[in-house]
Amino acid sequence: NKPVCLVSVVAGINGVYPIAELKANAFKNNKLV
């Protein structure tokens, strides 16, 4: 129940996929928000 601000760093112009991936499946067991 601790909040997380996600930051993606990319050399080019994309960078959206790491954010989507982490929001989709990285926080179930650790319960970060």
PDB file of all heavy atoms in Angstrom:
ATOM      1  N   ASN A   1       0.800  -1.223   0.000  1.00  0.00           N
ATOM      2  CA  ASN A   1       0.000   0.000   0.000  1.00  0.00           C
ATOM      3  C   ASN A   1       0.834   1.275   0.000  1.00  0.00           C
ATOM      4  O   ASN A   1       0.377   2.320   0.461  1.00  0.00           O
ATOM      5  CB  ASN A   1      -0.995  -0.008   1.166  1.00  0.00           C
ATOM      6  CG  ASN A   1      -1.870  -1.235   1.131  1.00  0.00           C
ATOM      7  OD1 ASN A   1      -2.540  -1.483   0.144  1.00  0.00           O
ATOM      8  ND2 ASN A   1      -1.829  -2.030   2.179  1.00  0.00           N
ATOM      9  N   LYS A   2       2.034   1.196  -0.536  1.00  0.00           N
ATOM     10  CA  LYS A   2       2.878   2.382  -0.685  1.00  0.00           C
ATOM     11  C   LYS A   2       2.861   2.773  -2.160  1.00  0.00           C
ATOM     12  O   LYS A   2       2.991   1.923  -3.041  1.00  0.00           O
ATOM     13  CB  LYS A   2       4.297   2.107  -0.204  1.00  0.00           C
ATOM     14  CG  LYS A   2       4.344   1.851   1.301  1.00  0.00           C
ATOM     15  CD  LYS A   2       5.734   1.668   1.806  1.00  0.00           C
ATOM     16  CE  LYS A   2       5.716   1.418   3.313  1.00  0.00           C
ATOM     17  NZ  LYS A   2       7.082   1.303   3.842  1.00  0.00           N
ATOM     18  N   PRO A   3       2.703   4.059  -2.436  1.00  0.00           N
ATOM     19  CA  PRO A   3       2.584   4.494  -3.833  1.00  0.00           C
ATOM     20  C   PRO A   3       3.928   4.508  -4.555  1.00  0.00           C
ATOM     21  O   PRO A   3       4.979   4.722  -3.945  1.00  0.00           O
ATOM     22  CB  PRO A   3       2.015   5.907  -3.700  1.00  0.00           C
ATOM     23  CG  PRO A   3       2.524   6.382  -2.385  1.00  0.00           C
ATOM     24  CD  PRO A   3       2.553   5.164  -1.499  1.00  0.00           C
ATOM     25  N   VAL A   4       3.848   4.290  -5.860  1.00  0.00           N
ATOM     26  CA  VAL A   4       5.021   4.270  -6.728  1.00  0.00           C
ATOM     27  C   VAL A   4       4.762   5.165  -7.932  1.00  0.00           C
ATOM     28  O   VAL A   4       3.720   5.049  -8.576  1.00  0.00           O
ATOM     29  CB  VAL A   4       5.311   2.844  -7.254  1.00  0.00           C
ATOM     30  CG1 VAL A   4       6.497   2.835  -8.201  1.00  0.00           C
ATOM     31  CG2 VAL A   4       5.519   1.869  -6.120  1.00  0.00           C
ATOM     32  N   CYS A   5       5.709   6.029  -8.217  1.00  0.00           N
ATOM     33  CA  CYS A   5       5.702   6.777  -9.473  1.00  0.00           C
ATOM     34  C   CYS A   5       6.692   6.090 -10.396  1.00  0.00           C
ATOM     35  O   CYS A   5       7.878   5.962 -10.064  1.00  0.00           O
ATOM     36  CB  CYS A   5       6.100   8.238  -9.241  1.00  0.00           C
ATOM     37  SG  CYS A   5       6.121   9.208 -10.773  1.00  0.00           S
ATOM     38  N   LEU A   6       6.212   5.622 -11.525  1.00  0.00           N
ATOM     39  CA  LEU A   6       7.067   4.925 -12.485  1.00  0.00           C
ATOM     40  C   LEU A   6       7.669   5.920 -13.471  1.00  0.00           C
ATOM     41  O   LEU A   6       6.992   6.845 -13.918  1.00  0.00           O
ATOM     42  CB  LEU A   6       6.261   3.869 -13.235  1.00  0.00           C
ATOM     43  CG  LEU A   6       5.716   2.740 -12.371  1.00  0.00           C
ATOM     44  CD1 LEU A   6       4.767   1.863 -13.175  1.00  0.00           C
ATOM     45  CD2 LEU A   6       6.849   1.919 -11.788  1.00  0.00           C
ATOM     46  N   VAL A   7       8.931   5.665 -13.803  1.00  0.00           N
ATOM     47  CA  VAL A   7       9.648   6.509 -14.758  1.00  0.00           C
ATOM     48  C   VAL A   7      10.318   5.599 -15.773  1.00  0.00           C
ATOM     49  O   VAL A   7      11.057   4.687 -15.402  1.00  0.00           O
ATOM     50  CB  VAL A   7      10.727   7.374 -14.059  1.00  0.00           C
ATOM     51  CG1 VAL A   7      11.446   8.254 -15.067  1.00  0.00           C
ATOM     52  CG2 VAL A   7      10.118   8.207 -12.945  1.00  0.00           C
ATOM     53  N   SER A   8      10.057   5.855 -17.034  1.00  0.00           N
ATOM     54  CA  SER A   8      10.698   5.125 -18.120  1.00  0.00           C
ATOM     55  C   SER A   8      11.699   6.050 -18.797  1.00  0.00           C
ATOM     56  O   SER A   8      11.394   7.204 -19.090  1.00  0.00           O
ATOM     57  CB  SER A   8       9.640   4.657 -19.127  1.00  0.00           C
ATOM     58  OG  SER A   8      10.237   4.006 -20.215  1.00  0.00           O
ATOM     59  N   VAL A   9      12.894   5.531 -19.036  1.00  0.00           N
ATOM     60  CA  VAL A   9      13.969   6.293 -19.655  1.00  0.00           C
ATOM     61  C   VAL A   9      14.296   5.631 -20.988  1.00  0.00           C
ATOM     62  O   VAL A   9      14.549   4.428 -21.041  1.00  0.00           O
ATOM     63  CB  VAL A   9      15.217   6.312 -18.738  1.00  0.00           C
ATOM     64  CG1 VAL A   9      16.383   6.973 -19.423  1.00  0.00           C
ATOM     65  CG2 VAL A   9      14.894   6.981 -17.420  1.00  0.00           C
ATOM     66  N   VAL A  10      14.291   6.424 -22.045  1.00  0.00           N
ATOM     67  CA  VAL A  10      14.523   5.852 -23.366  1.00  0.00           C
ATOM     68  C   VAL A  10      15.328   6.835 -24.214  1.00  0.00           C
ATOM     69  O   VAL A  10      15.150   8.048 -24.119  1.00  0.00           O
ATOM     70  CB  VAL A  10      13.173   5.481 -24.042  1.00  0.00           C
ATOM     71  CG1 VAL A  10      12.296   6.685 -24.255  1.00  0.00           C
ATOM     72  CG2 VAL A  10      13.378   4.733 -25.334  1.00  0.00           C
ATOM     73  N   ALA A  11      16.236   6.280 -25.006  1.00  0.00           N
ATOM     74  CA  ALA A  11      17.069   7.120 -25.870  1.00  0.00           C
ATOM     75  C   ALA A  11      16.272   7.687 -27.037  1.00  0.00           C
ATOM     76  O   ALA A  11      16.579   8.764 -27.531  1.00  0.00           O
ATOM     77  CB  ALA A  11      18.260   6.318 -26.396  1.00  0.00           C
ATOM     78  N   GLY A  12      15.247   6.983 -27.451  1.00  0.00           N
ATOM     79  CA  GLY A  12      14.457   7.404 -28.607  1.00  0.00           C
ATOM     80  C   GLY A  12      13.167   8.087 -28.205  1.00  0.00           C
ATOM     81  O   GLY A  12      13.135   8.894 -27.284  1.00  0.00           O
ATOM     82  N   ILE A  13      12.085   7.693 -28.895  1.00  0.00           N
ATOM     83  CA  ILE A  13      10.816   8.396 -28.692  1.00  0.00           C
ATOM     84  C   ILE A  13       9.706   7.520 -28.119  1.00  0.00           C
ATOM     85  O   ILE A  13       8.583   7.962 -27.985  1.00  0.00           O
ATOM     86  CB  ILE A  13      10.322   9.028 -30.014  1.00  0.00           C
ATOM     87  CG1 ILE A  13      10.115   7.958 -31.081  1.00  0.00           C
ATOM     88  CG2 ILE A  13      11.278  10.098 -30.473  1.00  0.00           C
ATOM     89  CD1 ILE A  13       9.383   8.451 -32.303  1.00  0.00           C
ATOM     90  N   ASN A  14       9.987   6.271 -27.752  1.00  0.00           N
ATOM     91  CA  ASN A  14       8.917   5.411 -27.251  1.00  0.00           C
ATOM     92  C   ASN A  14       8.845   5.489 -25.730  1.00  0.00           C
ATOM     93  O   ASN A  14       8.499   6.506 -25.191  1.00  0.00           O
ATOM     94  CB  ASN A  14       9.104   3.976 -27.737  1.00  0.00           C
ATOM     95  CG  ASN A  14       7.810   3.196 -27.685  1.00  0.00           C
ATOM     96  OD1 ASN A  14       6.826   3.642 -27.107  1.00  0.00           O
ATOM     97  ND2 ASN A  14       7.803   2.030 -28.269  1.00  0.00           N
ATOM     98  N   GLY A  15       9.123   4.406 -25.020  1.00  0.00           N
ATOM     99  CA  GLY A  15       9.151   4.408 -23.572  1.00  0.00           C
ATOM    100  C   GLY A  15       7.865   4.036 -22.881  1.00  0.00           C
ATOM    101  O   GLY A  15       7.825   3.955 -21.662  1.00  0.00           O
ATOM    102  N   VAL A  16       6.782   3.789 -23.635  1.00  0.00           N
ATOM    103  CA  VAL A  16       5.500   3.487 -22.989  1.00  0.00           C
ATOM    104  C   VAL A  16       5.405   2.040 -22.519  1.00  0.00           C
ATOM    105  O   VAL A  16       4.718   1.755 -21.541  1.00  0.00           O
ATOM    106  CB  VAL A  16       4.294   3.813 -23.904  1.00  0.00           C
ATOM    107  CG1 VAL A  16       4.250   5.283 -24.241  1.00  0.00           C
ATOM    108  CG2 VAL A  16       4.307   2.975 -25.160  1.00  0.00           C
ATOM    109  N   TYR A  17       6.088   1.136 -23.192  1.00  0.00           N
ATOM    110  CA  TYR A  17       5.923  -0.279 -22.881  1.00  0.00           C
ATOM    111  C   TYR A  17       6.405  -0.670 -21.486  1.00  0.00           C
ATOM    112  O   TYR A  17       5.731  -1.459 -20.810  1.00  0.00           O
ATOM    113  CB  TYR A  17       6.586  -1.151 -23.949  1.00  0.00           C
ATOM    114  CG  TYR A  17       5.942  -0.989 -25.296  1.00  0.00           C
ATOM    115  CD1 TYR A  17       6.644  -0.435 -26.367  1.00  0.00           C
ATOM    116  CD2 TYR A  17       4.618  -1.363 -25.503  1.00  0.00           C
ATOM    117  CE1 TYR A  17       6.038  -0.256 -27.596  1.00  0.00           C
ATOM    118  CE2 TYR A  17       4.003  -1.197 -26.733  1.00  0.00           C
ATOM    119  CZ  TYR A  17       4.725  -0.648 -27.779  1.00  0.00           C
ATOM    120  OH  TYR A  17       4.121  -0.479 -28.995  1.00  0.00           O
ATOM    121  N   PRO A  18       7.525  -0.154 -20.988  1.00  0.00           N
ATOM    122  CA  PRO A  18       7.917  -0.515 -19.614  1.00  0.00           C
ATOM    123  C   PRO A  18       6.881  -0.087 -18.573  1.00  0.00           C
ATOM    124  O   PRO A  18       6.622  -0.822 -17.624  1.00  0.00           O
ATOM    125  CB  PRO A  18       9.238   0.225 -19.405  1.00  0.00           C
ATOM    126  CG  PRO A  18       9.780   0.430 -20.768  1.00  0.00           C
ATOM    127  CD  PRO A  18       8.583   0.619 -21.649  1.00  0.00           C
ATOM    128  N   ILE A  19       6.281   1.072 -18.768  1.00  0.00           N
ATOM    129  CA  ILE A  19       5.255   1.547 -17.831  1.00  0.00           C
ATOM    130  C   ILE A  19       4.056   0.600 -17.862  1.00  0.00           C
ATOM    131  O   ILE A  19       3.573   0.152 -16.812  1.00  0.00           O
ATOM    132  CB  ILE A  19       4.806   2.987 -18.181  1.00  0.00           C
ATOM    133  CG1 ILE A  19       5.978   3.962 -18.138  1.00  0.00           C
ATOM    134  CG2 ILE A  19       3.649   3.426 -17.293  1.00  0.00           C
ATOM    135  CD1 ILE A  19       6.565   4.232 -16.803  1.00  0.00           C
ATOM    136  N   ALA A  20       3.583   0.279 -19.057  1.00  0.00           N
ATOM    137  CA  ALA A  20       2.428  -0.617 -19.189  1.00  0.00           C
ATOM    138  C   ALA A  20       2.728  -1.995 -18.597  1.00  0.00           C
ATOM    139  O   ALA A  20       1.889  -2.571 -17.888  1.00  0.00           O
ATOM    140  CB  ALA A  20       2.032  -0.741 -20.659  1.00  0.00           C
ATOM    141  N   GLU A  21       3.928  -2.500 -18.861  1.00  0.00           N
ATOM    142  CA  GLU A  21       4.304  -3.817 -18.342  1.00  0.00           C
ATOM    143  C   GLU A  21       4.330  -3.822 -16.813  1.00  0.00           C
ATOM    144  O   GLU A  21       3.780  -4.729 -16.176  1.00  0.00           O
ATOM    145  CB  GLU A  21       5.678  -4.202 -18.884  1.00  0.00           C
ATOM    146  CG  GLU A  21       6.201  -5.504 -18.323  1.00  0.00           C
ATOM    147  CD  GLU A  21       7.632  -5.781 -18.720  1.00  0.00           C
ATOM    148  OE1 GLU A  21       8.298  -4.916 -19.322  1.00  0.00           O
ATOM    149  OE2 GLU A  21       8.093  -6.886 -18.405  1.00  0.00           O
ATOM    150  N   LEU A  22       4.964  -2.831 -16.228  1.00  0.00           N
ATOM    151  CA  LEU A  22       5.048  -2.785 -14.767  1.00  0.00           C
ATOM    152  C   LEU A  22       3.674  -2.612 -14.136  1.00  0.00           C
ATOM    153  O   LEU A  22       3.351  -3.282 -13.146  1.00  0.00           O
ATOM    154  CB  LEU A  22       5.996  -1.673 -14.324  1.00  0.00           C
ATOM    155  CG  LEU A  22       7.480  -1.931 -14.627  1.00  0.00           C
ATOM    156  CD1 LEU A  22       8.293  -0.675 -14.376  1.00  0.00           C
ATOM    157  CD2 LEU A  22       8.003  -3.111 -13.826  1.00  0.00           C
ATOM    158  N   LYS A  23       2.856  -1.737 -14.689  1.00  0.00           N
ATOM    159  CA  LYS A  23       1.516  -1.547 -14.132  1.00  0.00           C
ATOM    160  C   LYS A  23       0.672  -2.811 -14.264  1.00  0.00           C
ATOM    161  O   LYS A  23      -0.169  -3.096 -13.413  1.00  0.00           O
ATOM    162  CB  LYS A  23       0.813  -0.364 -14.798  1.00  0.00           C
ATOM    163  CG  LYS A  23       1.318   0.974 -14.300  1.00  0.00           C
ATOM    164  CD  LYS A  23       0.514   2.122 -14.871  1.00  0.00           C
ATOM    165  CE  LYS A  23       0.975   3.447 -14.291  1.00  0.00           C
ATOM    166  NZ  LYS A  23       0.162   4.576 -14.767  1.00  0.00           N
ATOM    167  N   ALA A  24       0.899  -3.583 -15.317  1.00  0.00           N
ATOM    168  CA  ALA A  24       0.081  -4.774 -15.558  1.00  0.00           C
ATOM    169  C   ALA A  24       0.443  -5.944 -14.658  1.00  0.00           C
ATOM    170  O   ALA A  24      -0.445  -6.668 -14.213  1.00  0.00           O
ATOM    171  CB  ALA A  24       0.206  -5.201 -17.025  1.00  0.00           C
ATOM    172  N   ASN A  25       1.742  -6.128 -14.361  1.00  0.00           N
ATOM    173  CA  ASN A  25       2.060  -7.390 -13.679  1.00  0.00           C
ATOM    174  C   ASN A  25       3.219  -7.362 -12.689  1.00  0.00           C
ATOM    175  O   ASN A  25       3.730  -8.407 -12.335  1.00  0.00           O
ATOM    176  CB  ASN A  25       2.308  -8.499 -14.715  1.00  0.00           C
ATOM    177  CG  ASN A  25       3.485  -8.209 -15.613  1.00  0.00           C
ATOM    178  OD1 ASN A  25       4.390  -7.457 -15.255  1.00  0.00           O
ATOM    179  ND2 ASN A  25       3.488  -8.804 -16.783  1.00  0.00           N
ATOM    180  N   ALA A  26       3.623  -6.213 -12.200  1.00  0.00           N
ATOM    181  CA  ALA A  26       4.782  -6.187 -11.308  1.00  0.00           C
ATOM    182  C   ALA A  26       4.449  -5.967  -9.840  1.00  0.00           C
ATOM    183  O   ALA A  26       5.331  -6.056  -9.003  1.00  0.00           O
ATOM    184  CB  ALA A  26       5.759  -5.103 -11.773  1.00  0.00           C
ATOM    185  N   PHE A  27       3.188  -5.708  -9.501  1.00  0.00           N
ATOM    186  CA  PHE A  27       2.902  -5.265  -8.144  1.00  0.00           C
ATOM    187  C   PHE A  27       1.920  -6.150  -7.370  1.00  0.00           C
ATOM    188  O   PHE A  27       1.517  -5.792  -6.271  1.00  0.00           O
ATOM    189  CB  PHE A  27       2.370  -3.823  -8.182  1.00  0.00           C
ATOM    190  CG  PHE A  27       3.359  -2.868  -8.802  1.00  0.00           C
ATOM    191  CD1 PHE A  27       3.048  -2.189  -9.969  1.00  0.00           C
ATOM    192  CD2 PHE A  27       4.597  -2.672  -8.234  1.00  0.00           C
ATOM    193  CE1 PHE A  27       3.960  -1.323 -10.545  1.00  0.00           C
ATOM    194  CE2 PHE A  27       5.520  -1.806  -8.798  1.00  0.00           C
ATOM    195  CZ  PHE A  27       5.206  -1.132  -9.950  1.00  0.00           C
ATOM    196  N   LYS A  28       1.567  -7.308  -7.895  1.00  0.00           N
ATOM    197  CA  LYS A  28       0.588  -8.149  -7.216  1.00  0.00           C
ATOM    198  C   LYS A  28       1.098  -8.638  -5.857  1.00  0.00           C
ATOM    199  O   LYS A  28       0.453  -8.434  -4.839  1.00  0.00           O
ATOM    200  CB  LYS A  28       0.210  -9.356  -8.071  1.00  0.00           C
ATOM    201  CG  LYS A  28      -0.853 -10.242  -7.413  1.00  0.00           C
ATOM    202  CD  LYS A  28      -1.105 -11.502  -8.178  1.00  0.00           C
ATOM    203  CE  LYS A  28      -0.305 -12.679  -7.806  1.00  0.00           C
ATOM    204  NZ  LYS A  28      -0.211 -13.106  -6.444  1.00  0.00           N
ATOM    205  N   ASN A  29       2.251  -9.255  -5.817  1.00  0.00           N
ATOM    206  CA  ASN A  29       2.726  -9.858  -4.576  1.00  0.00           C
ATOM    207  C   ASN A  29       3.315  -8.861  -3.584  1.00  0.00           C
ATOM    208  O   ASN A  29       3.245  -9.066  -2.383  1.00  0.00           O
ATOM    209  CB  ASN A  29       3.745 -10.957  -4.861  1.00  0.00           C
ATOM    210  CG  ASN A  29       3.094 -12.177  -5.470  1.00  0.00           C
ATOM    211  OD1 ASN A  29       1.878 -12.279  -5.527  1.00  0.00           O
ATOM    212  ND2 ASN A  29       3.904 -13.091  -5.956  1.00  0.00           N
ATOM    213  N   ASN A  30       3.921  -7.791  -4.072  1.00  0.00           N
ATOM    214  CA  ASN A  30       4.512  -6.813  -3.158  1.00  0.00           C
ATOM    215  C   ASN A  30       3.510  -5.740  -2.746  1.00  0.00           C
ATOM    216  O   ASN A  30       3.767  -4.968  -1.844  1.00  0.00           O
ATOM    217  CB  ASN A  30       5.764  -6.178  -3.758  1.00  0.00           C
ATOM    218  CG  ASN A  30       5.514  -5.601  -5.121  1.00  0.00           C
ATOM    219  OD1 ASN A  30       4.537  -4.885  -5.352  1.00  0.00           O
ATOM    220  ND2 ASN A  30       6.404  -5.899  -6.047  1.00  0.00           N
ATOM    221  N   LYS A  31       2.370  -5.696  -3.404  1.00  0.00           N
ATOM    222  CA  LYS A  31       1.244  -4.821  -3.096  1.00  0.00           C
ATOM    223  C   LYS A  31       1.575  -3.328  -3.162  1.00  0.00           C
ATOM    224  O   LYS A  31       0.920  -2.510  -2.520  1.00  0.00           O
ATOM    225  CB  LYS A  31       0.650  -5.161  -1.733  1.00  0.00           C
ATOM    226  CG  LYS A  31       0.088  -6.567  -1.648  1.00  0.00           C
ATOM    227  CD  LYS A  31      -0.561  -6.794  -0.307  1.00  0.00           C
ATOM    228  CE  LYS A  31      -1.103  -8.191  -0.193  1.00  0.00           C
ATOM    229  NZ  LYS A  31      -1.767  -8.400   1.095  1.00  0.00           N
ATOM    230  N   LEU A  32       2.608  -2.971  -3.925  1.00  0.00           N
ATOM    231  CA  LEU A  32       2.862  -1.559  -4.179  1.00  0.00           C
ATOM    232  C   LEU A  32       1.730  -1.004  -5.029  1.00  0.00           C
ATOM    233  O   LEU A  32       1.071  -1.746  -5.765  1.00  0.00           O
ATOM    234  CB  LEU A  32       4.201  -1.375  -4.898  1.00  0.00           C
ATOM    235  CG  LEU A  32       5.444  -1.664  -4.060  1.00  0.00           C
ATOM    236  CD1 LEU A  32       6.672  -1.764  -4.953  1.00  0.00           C
ATOM    237  CD2 LEU A  32       5.646  -0.597  -3.006  1.00  0.00           C
ATOM    238  N   VAL A  33       1.498   0.295  -4.953  1.00  0.00           N
ATOM    239  CA  VAL A  33       0.381   0.926  -5.648  1.00  0.00           C
ATOM    240  C   VAL A  33       0.927   1.927  -6.668  1.00  0.00           C
ATOM    241  O   VAL A  33       1.364   3.016  -6.284  1.00  0.00           O
ATOM    242  CB  VAL A  33      -0.559   1.649  -4.656  1.00  0.00           C
ATOM    243  CG1 VAL A  33      -1.715   2.310  -5.389  1.00  0.00           C
ATOM    244  CG2 VAL A  33      -1.055   0.691  -3.586  1.00  0.00           C
TER     245      VAL A  33
END
